[in-house]
Amino acid sequence: MNPTTETSKATAAEPVELWELRLYVAGQTPKSLAAFANLKRLCEEHLPARYVIEVIDLLKTPQLAEDDQILAIPTLVRKLPVPIRKIIGDLSNIERVLVGLDLRPLTPGGNDEN
C-alpha cells in the first residue's frame, strides 16, 4: 500500500468510463491493509482497466478528511462516476461493496443494512 495512487492499465482504444476511488486510511493498520487489498481485488475483477485508486493516509494529511467529510476509517469514496458514494469498513463484504458502488443491484429480498 506504499503507492498513493494506483491506475489500471487500459487495454482498448475505445473510451471507457473511469472510476475514481479514494480510500481514506490511518496508517498501515490491519484494517487499512485489508481494505486496500479487498478494493484492489474487487476493481481488478469488476472494473478492469477502468479505475484509479487514490489512498489518502489521514495520519500524514488529516486536513483532507474534511474534503469528503470523513468520520470513520477506513472509508471508500467513489468520486466518479457521480453521484458520490461512501462505504465505511474493510470492504470484506464484497456483495455489500458492489451494491454500495452501484456495480450490482440489490437482490430482491436482500437486506441493505449497514
PDB file of N, CA and C in Angstrom:
ATOM      1  N   MET A   1       0.833  -1.188   0.000  1.00  0.00           N
ATOM      2  CA  MET A   1       0.000   0.000   0.000  1.00  0.00           C
ATOM      3  C   MET A   1       0.868   1.239   0.000  1.00  0.00           C
ATOM      4  N   ASN A   2       2.111   1.130  -0.407  1.00  0.00           N
ATOM      5  CA  ASN A   2       3.008   2.269  -0.434  1.00  0.00           C
ATOM      6  C   ASN A   2       2.622   3.318  -1.466  1.00  0.00           C
ATOM      7  N   PRO A   3       2.252   2.916  -2.715  1.00  0.00           N
ATOM      8  CA  PRO A   3       1.902   3.974  -3.666  1.00  0.00           C
ATOM      9  C   PRO A   3       0.594   4.636  -3.257  1.00  0.00           C
ATOM     10  N   THR A   4       0.541   5.964  -3.434  1.00  0.00           N
ATOM     11  CA  THR A   4      -0.669   6.673  -3.053  1.00  0.00           C
ATOM     12  C   THR A   4      -1.719   6.630  -4.142  1.00  0.00           C
ATOM     13  N   THR A   5      -1.312   6.353  -5.369  1.00  0.00           N
ATOM     14  CA  THR A   5      -2.267   6.265  -6.462  1.00  0.00           C
ATOM     15  C   THR A   5      -1.951   5.036  -7.285  1.00  0.00           C
ATOM     16  N   GLU A   6      -2.988   4.298  -7.617  1.00  0.00           N
ATOM     17  CA  GLU A   6      -2.817   3.108  -8.434  1.00  0.00           C
ATOM     18  C   GLU A   6      -3.765   3.228  -9.614  1.00  0.00           C
ATOM     19  N   THR A   7      -3.268   3.057 -10.801  1.00  0.00           N
ATOM     20  CA  THR A   7      -4.063   3.168 -12.011  1.00  0.00           C
ATOM     21  C   THR A   7      -4.012   1.850 -12.757  1.00  0.00           C
ATOM     22  N   SER A   8      -5.183   1.400 -13.208  1.00  0.00           N
ATOM     23  CA  SER A   8      -5.192   0.180 -14.003  1.00  0.00           C
ATOM     24  C   SER A   8      -4.753   0.512 -15.418  1.00  0.00           C
ATOM     25  N   LYS A   9      -4.305  -0.486 -16.130  1.00  0.00           N
ATOM     26  CA  LYS A   9      -3.831  -0.277 -17.490  1.00  0.00           C
ATOM     27  C   LYS A   9      -4.972  -0.440 -18.479  1.00  0.00           C
ATOM     28  N   ALA A  10      -5.103   0.508 -19.379  1.00  0.00           N
ATOM     29  CA  ALA A  10      -6.131   0.431 -20.413  1.00  0.00           C
ATOM     30  C   ALA A  10      -5.702  -0.587 -21.456  1.00  0.00           C
ATOM     31  N   THR A  11      -6.680  -1.372 -21.916  1.00  0.00           N
ATOM     32  CA  THR A  11      -6.364  -2.399 -22.896  1.00  0.00           C
ATOM     33  C   THR A  11      -7.031  -2.144 -24.243  1.00  0.00           C
ATOM     34  N   ALA A  12      -7.958  -1.228 -24.313  1.00  0.00           N
ATOM     35  CA  ALA A  12      -8.665  -0.974 -25.562  1.00  0.00           C
ATOM     36  C   ALA A  12      -8.529   0.499 -25.936  1.00  0.00           C
ATOM     37  N   ALA A  13      -8.654   0.791 -27.213  1.00  0.00           N
ATOM     38  CA  ALA A  13      -8.541   2.164 -27.687  1.00  0.00           C
ATOM     39  C   ALA A  13      -9.834   2.939 -27.485  1.00  0.00           C
ATOM     40  N   GLU A  14     -10.935   2.243 -27.254  1.00  0.00           N
ATOM     41  CA  GLU A  14     -12.210   2.922 -27.095  1.00  0.00           C
ATOM     42  C   GLU A  14     -12.297   3.594 -25.730  1.00  0.00           C
ATOM     43  N   PRO A  15     -13.027   4.728 -25.638  1.00  0.00           N
ATOM     44  CA  PRO A  15     -13.144   5.414 -24.360  1.00  0.00           C
ATOM     45  C   PRO A  15     -13.959   4.570 -23.370  1.00  0.00           C
ATOM     46  N   VAL A  16     -13.530   4.582 -22.128  1.00  0.00           N
ATOM     47  CA  VAL A  16     -14.245   3.849 -21.096  1.00  0.00           C
ATOM     48  C   VAL A  16     -14.561   4.797 -19.950  1.00  0.00           C
ATOM     49  N   GLU A  17     -15.594   4.461 -19.193  1.00  0.00           N
ATOM     50  CA  GLU A  17     -15.952   5.254 -18.033  1.00  0.00           C
ATOM     51  C   GLU A  17     -14.938   4.973 -16.933  1.00  0.00           C
ATOM     52  N   LEU A  18     -14.229   6.004 -16.502  1.00  0.00           N
ATOM     53  CA  LEU A  18     -13.205   5.853 -15.483  1.00  0.00           C
ATOM     54  C   LEU A  18     -13.826   6.008 -14.099  1.00  0.00           C
ATOM     55  N   TRP A  19     -13.507   5.084 -13.220  1.00  0.00           N
ATOM     56  CA  TRP A  19     -13.960   5.135 -11.835  1.00  0.00           C
ATOM     57  C   TRP A  19     -12.836   5.719 -10.988  1.00  0.00           C
ATOM     58  N   GLU A  20     -13.117   6.828 -10.315  1.00  0.00           N
ATOM     59  CA  GLU A  20     -12.153   7.446  -9.410  1.00  0.00           C
ATOM     60  C   GLU A  20     -12.556   7.099  -7.985  1.00  0.00           C
ATOM     61  N   LEU A  21     -11.678   6.368  -7.311  1.00  0.00           N
ATOM     62  CA  LEU A  21     -11.952   5.886  -5.966  1.00  0.00           C
ATOM     63  C   LEU A  21     -10.898   6.406  -5.007  1.00  0.00           C
ATOM     64  N   ARG A  22     -11.341   6.875  -3.838  1.00  0.00           N
ATOM     65  CA  ARG A  22     -10.430   7.326  -2.787  1.00  0.00           C
ATOM     66  C   ARG A  22     -10.633   6.442  -1.570  1.00  0.00           C
ATOM     67  N   LEU A  23      -9.536   5.931  -1.058  1.00  0.00           N
ATOM     68  CA  LEU A  23      -9.592   5.126   0.150  1.00  0.00           C
ATOM     69  C   LEU A  23      -8.884   5.895   1.260  1.00  0.00           C
ATOM     70  N   TYR A  24      -9.648   6.293   2.273  1.00  0.00           N
ATOM     71  CA  TYR A  24      -9.100   7.010   3.420  1.00  0.00           C
ATOM     72  C   TYR A  24      -8.713   6.000   4.485  1.00  0.00           C
ATOM     73  N   VAL A  25      -7.474   6.069   4.943  1.00  0.00           N
ATOM     74  CA  VAL A  25      -6.952   5.162   5.966  1.00  0.00           C
ATOM     75  C   VAL A  25      -6.191   5.982   7.005  1.00  0.00           C
ATOM     76  N   ALA A  26      -5.781   5.311   8.086  1.00  0.00           N
ATOM     77  CA  ALA A  26      -4.940   5.951   9.101  1.00  0.00           C
ATOM     78  C   ALA A  26      -3.757   5.030   9.346  1.00  0.00           C
ATOM     79  N   GLY A  27      -2.725   5.205   8.558  1.00  0.00           N
ATOM     80  CA  GLY A  27      -1.552   4.353   8.678  1.00  0.00           C
ATOM     81  C   GLY A  27      -1.779   2.995   8.034  1.00  0.00           C
ATOM     82  N   GLN A  28      -0.842   2.100   8.276  1.00  0.00           N
ATOM     83  CA  GLN A  28      -0.930   0.772   7.672  1.00  0.00           C
ATOM     84  C   GLN A  28      -1.388  -0.248   8.712  1.00  0.00           C
ATOM     85  N   THR A  29      -2.568  -0.021   9.238  1.00  0.00           N
ATOM     86  CA  THR A  29      -3.166  -0.938  10.197  1.00  0.00           C
ATOM     87  C   THR A  29      -3.687  -2.167   9.463  1.00  0.00           C
ATOM     88  N   PRO A  30      -3.940  -3.265  10.171  1.00  0.00           N
ATOM     89  CA  PRO A  30      -4.506  -4.446   9.507  1.00  0.00           C
ATOM     90  C   PRO A  30      -5.803  -4.141   8.756  1.00  0.00           C
ATOM     91  N   LYS A  31      -6.673  -3.304   9.342  1.00  0.00           N
ATOM     92  CA  LYS A  31      -7.927  -2.955   8.666  1.00  0.00           C
ATOM     93  C   LYS A  31      -7.686  -2.141   7.395  1.00  0.00           C
ATOM     94  N   SER A  32      -6.736  -1.221   7.455  1.00  0.00           N
ATOM     95  CA  SER A  32      -6.409  -0.403   6.291  1.00  0.00           C
ATOM     96  C   SER A  32      -5.829  -1.258   5.170  1.00  0.00           C
ATOM     97  N   LEU A  33      -4.915  -2.158   5.526  1.00  0.00           N
ATOM     98  CA  LEU A  33      -4.308  -3.044   4.531  1.00  0.00           C
ATOM     99  C   LEU A  33      -5.348  -3.982   3.927  1.00  0.00           C
ATOM    100  N   ALA A  34      -6.254  -4.485   4.760  1.00  0.00           N
ATOM    101  CA  ALA A  34      -7.320  -5.369   4.260  1.00  0.00           C
ATOM    102  C   ALA A  34      -8.244  -4.607   3.322  1.00  0.00           C
ATOM    103  N   ALA A  35      -8.586  -3.365   3.681  1.00  0.00           N
ATOM    104  CA  ALA A  35      -9.466  -2.563   2.831  1.00  0.00           C
ATOM    105  C   ALA A  35      -8.828  -2.339   1.467  1.00  0.00           C
ATOM    106  N   PHE A  36      -7.539  -2.008   1.441  1.00  0.00           N
ATOM    107  CA  PHE A  36      -6.865  -1.783   0.163  1.00  0.00           C
ATOM    108  C   PHE A  36      -6.821  -3.068  -0.661  1.00  0.00           C
ATOM    109  N   ALA A  37      -6.463  -4.182  -0.040  1.00  0.00           N
ATOM    110  CA  ALA A  37      -6.388  -5.462  -0.760  1.00  0.00           C
ATOM    111  C   ALA A  37      -7.755  -5.857  -1.306  1.00  0.00           C
ATOM    112  N   ASN A  38      -8.801  -5.694  -0.501  1.00  0.00           N
ATOM    113  CA  ASN A  38     -10.159  -6.035  -0.949  1.00  0.00           C
ATOM    114  C   ASN A  38     -10.598  -5.135  -2.097  1.00  0.00           C
ATOM    115  N   LEU A  39     -10.293  -3.847  -1.998  1.00  0.00           N
ATOM    116  CA  LEU A  39     -10.658  -2.909  -3.054  1.00  0.00           C
ATOM    117  C   LEU A  39      -9.916  -3.221  -4.345  1.00  0.00           C
ATOM    118  N   LYS A  40      -8.629  -3.482  -4.245  1.00  0.00           N
ATOM    119  CA  LYS A  40      -7.826  -3.804  -5.432  1.00  0.00           C
ATOM    120  C   LYS A  40      -8.369  -5.048  -6.135  1.00  0.00           C
ATOM    121  N   ARG A  41      -8.669  -6.087  -5.359  1.00  0.00           N
ATOM    122  CA  ARG A  41      -9.205  -7.325  -5.919  1.00  0.00           C
ATOM    123  C   ARG A  41     -10.568  -7.084  -6.591  1.00  0.00           C
ATOM    124  N   LEU A  42     -11.430  -6.316  -5.925  1.00  0.00           N
ATOM    125  CA  LEU A  42     -12.750  -6.005  -6.478  1.00  0.00           C
ATOM    126  C   LEU A  42     -12.616  -5.237  -7.793  1.00  0.00           C
ATOM    127  N   CYS A  43     -11.718  -4.253  -7.834  1.00  0.00           N
ATOM    128  CA  CYS A  43     -11.532  -3.449  -9.050  1.00  0.00           C
ATOM    129  C   CYS A  43     -10.984  -4.294 -10.194  1.00  0.00           C
ATOM    130  N   GLU A  44     -10.017  -5.138  -9.904  1.00  0.00           N
ATOM    131  CA  GLU A  44      -9.453  -6.000 -10.945  1.00  0.00           C
ATOM    132  C   GLU A  44     -10.508  -6.928 -11.537  1.00  0.00           C
ATOM    133  N   GLU A  45     -11.420  -7.386 -10.696  1.00  0.00           N
ATOM    134  CA  GLU A  45     -12.444  -8.318 -11.150  1.00  0.00           C
ATOM    135  C   GLU A  45     -13.615  -7.630 -11.842  1.00  0.00           C
ATOM    136  N   HIS A  46     -14.062  -6.485 -11.309  1.00  0.00           N
ATOM    137  CA  HIS A  46     -15.288  -5.857 -11.804  1.00  0.00           C
ATOM    138  C   HIS A  46     -15.074  -4.585 -12.616  1.00  0.00           C
ATOM    139  N   LEU A  47     -13.891  -3.989 -12.550  1.00  0.00           N
ATOM    140  CA  LEU A  47     -13.615  -2.745 -13.282  1.00  0.00           C
ATOM    141  C   LEU A  47     -12.265  -2.805 -13.981  1.00  0.00           C
ATOM    142  N   PRO A  48     -11.949  -3.888 -14.665  1.00  0.00           N
ATOM    143  CA  PRO A  48     -10.612  -3.974 -15.266  1.00  0.00           C
ATOM    144  C   PRO A  48     -10.366  -2.817 -16.239  1.00  0.00           C
ATOM    145  N   ALA A  49      -9.211  -2.193 -16.093  1.00  0.00           N
ATOM    146  CA  ALA A  49      -8.765  -1.101 -16.964  1.00  0.00           C
ATOM    147  C   ALA A  49      -9.673   0.125 -16.906  1.00  0.00           C
ATOM    148  N   ARG A  50     -10.445   0.270 -15.819  1.00  0.00           N
ATOM    149  CA  ARG A  50     -11.367   1.405 -15.730  1.00  0.00           C
ATOM    150  C   ARG A  50     -11.343   2.099 -14.385  1.00  0.00           C
ATOM    151  N   TYR A  51     -10.270   1.993 -13.625  1.00  0.00           N
ATOM    152  CA  TYR A  51     -10.294   2.576 -12.288  1.00  0.00           C
ATOM    153  C   TYR A  51      -8.970   3.228 -11.906  1.00  0.00           C
ATOM    154  N   VAL A  52      -9.090   4.177 -10.975  1.00  0.00           N
ATOM    155  CA  VAL A  52      -7.948   4.809 -10.333  1.00  0.00           C
ATOM    156  C   VAL A  52      -8.229   4.779  -8.835  1.00  0.00           C
ATOM    157  N   ILE A  53      -7.275   4.272  -8.061  1.00  0.00           N
ATOM    158  CA  ILE A  53      -7.407   4.255  -6.605  1.00  0.00           C
ATOM    159  C   ILE A  53      -6.415   5.254  -6.028  1.00  0.00           C
ATOM    160  N   GLU A  54      -6.919   6.170  -5.226  1.00  0.00           N
ATOM    161  CA  GLU A  54      -6.061   7.111  -4.505  1.00  0.00           C
ATOM    162  C   GLU A  54      -6.174   6.775  -3.025  1.00  0.00           C
ATOM    163  N   VAL A  55      -5.059   6.447  -2.399  1.00  0.00           N
ATOM    164  CA  VAL A  55      -5.036   6.142  -0.977  1.00  0.00           C
ATOM    165  C   VAL A  55      -4.600   7.393  -0.228  1.00  0.00           C
ATOM    166  N   ILE A  56      -5.426   7.819   0.716  1.00  0.00           N
ATOM    167  CA  ILE A  56      -5.124   9.010   1.495  1.00  0.00           C
ATOM    168  C   ILE A  56      -4.928   8.591   2.946  1.00  0.00           C
ATOM    169  N   ASP A  57      -3.705   8.766   3.437  1.00  0.00           N
ATOM    170  CA  ASP A  57      -3.368   8.424   4.812  1.00  0.00           C
ATOM    171  C   ASP A  57      -3.610   9.657   5.676  1.00  0.00           C
ATOM    172  N   LEU A  58      -4.630   9.579   6.512  1.00  0.00           N
ATOM    173  CA  LEU A  58      -5.006  10.732   7.322  1.00  0.00           C
ATOM    174  C   LEU A  58      -4.030  10.998   8.471  1.00  0.00           C
ATOM    175  N   LEU A  59      -3.120  10.077   8.745  1.00  0.00           N
ATOM    176  CA  LEU A  59      -2.063  10.364   9.713  1.00  0.00           C
ATOM    177  C   LEU A  59      -1.065  11.361   9.125  1.00  0.00           C
ATOM    178  N   LYS A  60      -0.924  11.335   7.802  1.00  0.00           N
ATOM    179  CA  LYS A  60       0.012  12.237   7.121  1.00  0.00           C
ATOM    180  C   LYS A  60      -0.658  13.531   6.683  1.00  0.00           C
ATOM    181  N   THR A  61      -1.916  13.442   6.263  1.00  0.00           N
ATOM    182  CA  THR A  61      -2.635  14.617   5.762  1.00  0.00           C
ATOM    183  C   THR A  61      -4.054  14.654   6.340  1.00  0.00           C
ATOM    184  N   PRO A  62      -4.189  14.924   7.631  1.00  0.00           N
ATOM    185  CA  PRO A  62      -5.515  14.891   8.262  1.00  0.00           C
ATOM    186  C   PRO A  62      -6.489  15.930   7.716  1.00  0.00           C
ATOM    187  N   GLN A  63      -5.965  17.021   7.162  1.00  0.00           N
ATOM    188  CA  GLN A  63      -6.844  18.070   6.630  1.00  0.00           C
ATOM    189  C   GLN A  63      -7.682  17.582   5.453  1.00  0.00           C
ATOM    190  N   LEU A  64      -7.255  16.518   4.781  1.00  0.00           N
ATOM    191  CA  LEU A  64      -8.008  16.010   3.628  1.00  0.00           C
ATOM    192  C   LEU A  64      -9.300  15.311   4.035  1.00  0.00           C
ATOM    193  N   ALA A  65      -9.446  14.957   5.297  1.00  0.00           N
ATOM    194  CA  ALA A  65     -10.675  14.309   5.764  1.00  0.00           C
ATOM    195  C   ALA A  65     -11.874  15.232   5.614  1.00  0.00           C
ATOM    196  N   GLU A  66     -11.630  16.518   5.711  1.00  0.00           N
ATOM    197  CA  GLU A  66     -12.721  17.486   5.623  1.00  0.00           C
ATOM    198  C   GLU A  66     -13.326  17.536   4.220  1.00  0.00           C
ATOM    199  N   ASP A  67     -12.512  17.368   3.182  1.00  0.00           N
ATOM    200  CA  ASP A  67     -12.989  17.456   1.799  1.00  0.00           C
ATOM    201  C   ASP A  67     -14.162  16.514   1.537  1.00  0.00           C
ATOM    202  N   ASP A  68     -14.040  15.274   1.998  1.00  0.00           N
ATOM    203  CA  ASP A  68     -15.082  14.282   1.758  1.00  0.00           C
ATOM    204  C   ASP A  68     -15.883  13.970   3.016  1.00  0.00           C
ATOM    205  N   GLN A  69     -15.760  14.804   4.035  1.00  0.00           N
ATOM    206  CA  GLN A  69     -16.487  14.648   5.297  1.00  0.00           C
ATOM    207  C   GLN A  69     -16.307  13.232   5.855  1.00  0.00           C
ATOM    208  N   ILE A  70     -15.063  12.843   6.069  1.00  0.00           N
ATOM    209  CA  ILE A  70     -14.728  11.518   6.576  1.00  0.00           C
ATOM    210  C   ILE A  70     -14.860  11.508   8.090  1.00  0.00           C
ATOM    211  N   LEU A  71     -15.676  10.597   8.597  1.00  0.00           N
ATOM    212  CA  LEU A  71     -15.903  10.498  10.032  1.00  0.00           C
ATOM    213  C   LEU A  71     -15.350   9.206  10.620  1.00  0.00           C
ATOM    214  N   ALA A  72     -15.103   8.205   9.795  1.00  0.00           N
ATOM    215  CA  ALA A  72     -14.586   6.915  10.247  1.00  0.00           C
ATOM    216  C   ALA A  72     -13.605   6.401   9.199  1.00  0.00           C
ATOM    217  N   ILE A  73     -12.726   5.509   9.629  1.00  0.00           N
ATOM    218  CA  ILE A  73     -11.762   4.947   8.686  1.00  0.00           C
ATOM    219  C   ILE A  73     -11.644   3.446   8.911  1.00  0.00           C
ATOM    220  N   PRO A  74     -11.325   2.684   7.905  1.00  0.00           N
ATOM    221  CA  PRO A  74     -11.179   3.113   6.513  1.00  0.00           C
ATOM    222  C   PRO A  74     -12.534   3.462   5.885  1.00  0.00           C
ATOM    223  N   THR A  75     -12.502   4.422   4.966  1.00  0.00           N
ATOM    224  CA  THR A  75     -13.681   4.816   4.203  1.00  0.00           C
ATOM    225  C   THR A  75     -13.312   4.883   2.730  1.00  0.00           C
ATOM    226  N   LEU A  76     -14.153   4.278   1.908  1.00  0.00           N
ATOM    227  CA  LEU A  76     -14.002   4.347   0.459  1.00  0.00           C
ATOM    228  C   LEU A  76     -14.971   5.386  -0.074  1.00  0.00           C
ATOM    229  N   VAL A  77     -14.470   6.282  -0.916  1.00  0.00           N
ATOM    230  CA  VAL A  77     -15.316   7.297  -1.556  1.00  0.00           C
ATOM    231  C   VAL A  77     -15.223   7.115  -3.058  1.00  0.00           C
ATOM    232  N   ARG A  78     -16.371   6.921  -3.687  1.00  0.00           N
ATOM    233  CA  ARG A  78     -16.421   6.881  -5.150  1.00  0.00           C
ATOM    234  C   ARG A  78     -16.672   8.304  -5.625  1.00  0.00           C
ATOM    235  N   LYS A  79     -15.642   8.919  -6.234  1.00  0.00           N
ATOM    236  CA  LYS A  79     -15.756  10.282  -6.741  1.00  0.00           C
ATOM    237  C   LYS A  79     -16.429  10.309  -8.113  1.00  0.00           C
ATOM    238  N   LEU A  80     -16.020   9.391  -8.979  1.00  0.00           N
ATOM    239  CA  LEU A  80     -16.609   9.243 -10.306  1.00  0.00           C
ATOM    240  C   LEU A  80     -16.862   7.771 -10.558  1.00  0.00           C
ATOM    241  N   PRO A  81     -17.912   7.413 -11.229  1.00  0.00           N
ATOM    242  CA  PRO A  81     -18.969   8.281 -11.755  1.00  0.00           C
ATOM    243  C   PRO A  81     -19.844   8.831 -10.626  1.00  0.00           C
ATOM    244  N   VAL A  82     -20.438   9.982 -10.905  1.00  0.00           N
ATOM    245  CA  VAL A  82     -21.334  10.584  -9.930  1.00  0.00           C
ATOM    246  C   VAL A  82     -22.615   9.770  -9.885  1.00  0.00           C
ATOM    247  N   PRO A  83     -23.354   9.762  -8.805  1.00  0.00           N
ATOM    248  CA  PRO A  83     -23.157  10.520  -7.583  1.00  0.00           C
ATOM    249  C   PRO A  83     -22.061   9.913  -6.712  1.00  0.00           C
ATOM    250  N   ILE A  84     -21.539  10.743  -5.817  1.00  0.00           N
ATOM    251  CA  ILE A  84     -20.525  10.282  -4.864  1.00  0.00           C
ATOM    252  C   ILE A  84     -21.151   9.247  -3.942  1.00  0.00           C
ATOM    253  N   ARG A  85     -20.403   8.186  -3.676  1.00  0.00           N
ATOM    254  CA  ARG A  85     -20.834   7.127  -2.755  1.00  0.00           C
ATOM    255  C   ARG A  85     -19.758   6.914  -1.716  1.00  0.00           C
ATOM    256  N   LYS A  86     -20.144   6.525  -0.497  1.00  0.00           N
ATOM    257  CA  LYS A  86     -19.186   6.243   0.569  1.00  0.00           C
ATOM    258  C   LYS A  86     -19.496   4.889   1.188  1.00  0.00           C
ATOM    259  N   ILE A  87     -18.437   4.155   1.484  1.00  0.00           N
ATOM    260  CA  ILE A  87     -18.563   2.874   2.158  1.00  0.00           C
ATOM    261  C   ILE A  87     -17.514   2.839   3.264  1.00  0.00           C
ATOM    262  N   ILE A  88     -17.957   2.555   4.477  1.00  0.00           N
ATOM    263  CA  ILE A  88     -17.067   2.513   5.630  1.00  0.00           C
ATOM    264  C   ILE A  88     -16.751   1.058   5.971  1.00  0.00           C
ATOM    265  N   GLY A  89     -15.492   0.786   6.285  1.00  0.00           N
ATOM    266  CA  GLY A  89     -15.105  -0.545   6.732  1.00  0.00           C
ATOM    267  C   GLY A  89     -13.978  -1.111   5.888  1.00  0.00           C
ATOM    268  N   ASP A  90     -13.663  -2.393   6.129  1.00  0.00           N
ATOM    269  CA  ASP A  90     -12.525  -3.015   5.439  1.00  0.00           C
ATOM    270  C   ASP A  90     -12.890  -3.606   4.076  1.00  0.00           C
ATOM    271  N   LEU A  91     -14.129  -3.405   3.631  1.00  0.00           N
ATOM    272  CA  LEU A  91     -14.603  -3.811   2.301  1.00  0.00           C
ATOM    273  C   LEU A  91     -14.567  -5.326   2.117  1.00  0.00           C
ATOM    274  N   SER A  92     -14.664  -6.076   3.207  1.00  0.00           N
ATOM    275  CA  SER A  92     -14.608  -7.533   3.126  1.00  0.00           C
ATOM    276  C   SER A  92     -15.924  -8.149   2.655  1.00  0.00           C
ATOM    277  N   ASN A  93     -17.039  -7.443   2.833  1.00  0.00           N
ATOM    278  CA  ASN A  93     -18.322  -7.939   2.348  1.00  0.00           C
ATOM    279  C   ASN A  93     -18.479  -7.468   0.891  1.00  0.00           C
ATOM    280  N   ILE A  94     -17.968  -8.278  -0.025  1.00  0.00           N
ATOM    281  CA  ILE A  94     -17.895  -7.878  -1.437  1.00  0.00           C
ATOM    282  C   ILE A  94     -19.274  -7.573  -2.006  1.00  0.00           C
ATOM    283  N   GLU A  95     -20.275  -8.368  -1.683  1.00  0.00           N
ATOM    284  CA  GLU A  95     -21.631  -8.128  -2.194  1.00  0.00           C
ATOM    285  C   GLU A  95     -22.122  -6.743  -1.761  1.00  0.00           C
ATOM    286  N   ARG A  96     -21.905  -6.405  -0.509  1.00  0.00           N
ATOM    287  CA  ARG A  96     -22.327  -5.101   0.007  1.00  0.00           C
ATOM    288  C   ARG A  96     -21.566  -3.969  -0.682  1.00  0.00           C
ATOM    289  N   VAL A  97     -20.282  -4.165  -0.926  1.00  0.00           N
ATOM    290  CA  VAL A  97     -19.481  -3.149  -1.607  1.00  0.00           C
ATOM    291  C   VAL A  97     -19.963  -2.963  -3.042  1.00  0.00           C
ATOM    292  N   LEU A  98     -20.226  -4.057  -3.739  1.00  0.00           N
ATOM    293  CA  LEU A  98     -20.713  -3.968  -5.120  1.00  0.00           C
ATOM    294  C   LEU A  98     -22.037  -3.224  -5.195  1.00  0.00           C
ATOM    295  N   VAL A  99     -22.933  -3.495  -4.263  1.00  0.00           N
ATOM    296  CA  VAL A  99     -24.220  -2.788  -4.221  1.00  0.00           C
ATOM    297  C   VAL A  99     -23.988  -1.323  -3.869  1.00  0.00           C
ATOM    298  N   GLY A 100     -23.115  -1.067  -2.889  1.00  0.00           N
ATOM    299  CA  GLY A 100     -22.838   0.305  -2.463  1.00  0.00           C
ATOM    300  C   GLY A 100     -22.219   1.156  -3.554  1.00  0.00           C
ATOM    301  N   LEU A 101     -21.429   0.543  -4.418  1.00  0.00           N
ATOM    302  CA  LEU A 101     -20.800   1.268  -5.527  1.00  0.00           C
ATOM    303  C   LEU A 101     -21.670   1.310  -6.780  1.00  0.00           C
ATOM    304  N   ASP A 102     -22.838   0.688  -6.722  1.00  0.00           N
ATOM    305  CA  ASP A 102     -23.740   0.577  -7.877  1.00  0.00           C
ATOM    306  C   ASP A 102     -23.150  -0.291  -8.984  1.00  0.00           C
ATOM    307  N   LEU A 103     -22.350  -1.261  -8.621  1.00  0.00           N
ATOM    308  CA  LEU A 103     -21.847  -2.223  -9.602  1.00  0.00           C
ATOM    309  C   LEU A 103     -22.786  -3.419  -9.720  1.00  0.00           C
ATOM    310  N   ARG A 104     -23.626  -3.603  -8.725  1.00  0.00           N
ATOM    311  CA  ARG A 104     -24.592  -4.694  -8.724  1.00  0.00           C
ATOM    312  C   ARG A 104     -25.841  -4.204  -8.007  1.00  0.00           C
ATOM    313  N   PRO A 105     -27.023  -4.457  -8.576  1.00  0.00           N
ATOM    314  CA  PRO A 105     -28.254  -4.033  -7.903  1.00  0.00           C
ATOM    315  C   PRO A 105     -28.501  -4.878  -6.656  1.00  0.00           C
ATOM    316  N   LEU A 106     -29.226  -4.310  -5.712  1.00  0.00           N
ATOM    317  CA  LEU A 106     -29.628  -5.042  -4.525  1.00  0.00           C
ATOM    318  C   LEU A 106     -30.560  -6.165  -4.958  1.00  0.00           C
ATOM    319  N   THR A 107     -30.274  -7.377  -4.527  1.00  0.00           N
ATOM    320  CA  THR A 107     -31.093  -8.508  -4.932  1.00  0.00           C
ATOM    321  C   THR A 107     -32.440  -8.452  -4.229  1.00  0.00           C
ATOM    322  N   PRO A 108     -33.517  -8.879  -4.912  1.00  0.00           N
ATOM    323  CA  PRO A 108     -34.830  -8.885  -4.282  1.00  0.00           C
ATOM    324  C   PRO A 108     -34.794  -9.744  -3.008  1.00  0.00           C
ATOM    325  N   GLY A 109     -35.357  -9.201  -1.951  1.00  0.00           N
ATOM    326  CA  GLY A 109     -35.370  -9.917  -0.688  1.00  0.00           C
ATOM    327  C   GLY A 109     -34.092  -9.759   0.094  1.00  0.00           C
ATOM    328  N   GLY A 110     -33.088  -9.104  -0.524  1.00  0.00           N
ATOM    329  CA  GLY A 110     -31.820  -8.871   0.176  1.00  0.00           C
ATOM    330  C   GLY A 110     -31.967  -7.752   1.166  1.00  0.00           C
ATOM    331  N   ASN A 111     -31.037  -7.641   2.097  1.00  0.00           N
ATOM    332  CA  ASN A 111     -31.133  -6.525   3.029  1.00  0.00           C
ATOM    333  C   ASN A 111     -30.068  -5.503   2.686  1.00  0.00           C
ATOM    334  N   ASP A 112     -30.309  -4.288   3.138  1.00  0.00           N
ATOM    335  CA  ASP A 112     -29.355  -3.215   2.864  1.00  0.00           C
ATOM    336  C   ASP A 112     -28.864  -2.591   4.157  1.00  0.00           C
ATOM    337  N   GLU A 113     -28.851  -3.401   5.214  1.00  0.00           N
ATOM    338  CA  GLU A 113     -28.394  -2.872   6.487  1.00  0.00           C
ATOM    339  C   GLU A 113     -26.896  -2.651   6.476  1.00  0.00           C
ATOM    340  N   ASN A 114     -26.437  -1.740   7.282  1.00  0.00           N
ATOM    341  CA  ASN A 114     -25.011  -1.437   7.341  1.00  0.00           C
ATOM    342  C   ASN A 114     -24.357  -2.401   8.211  1.00  0.00           C
TER     343      ASN A 114
END
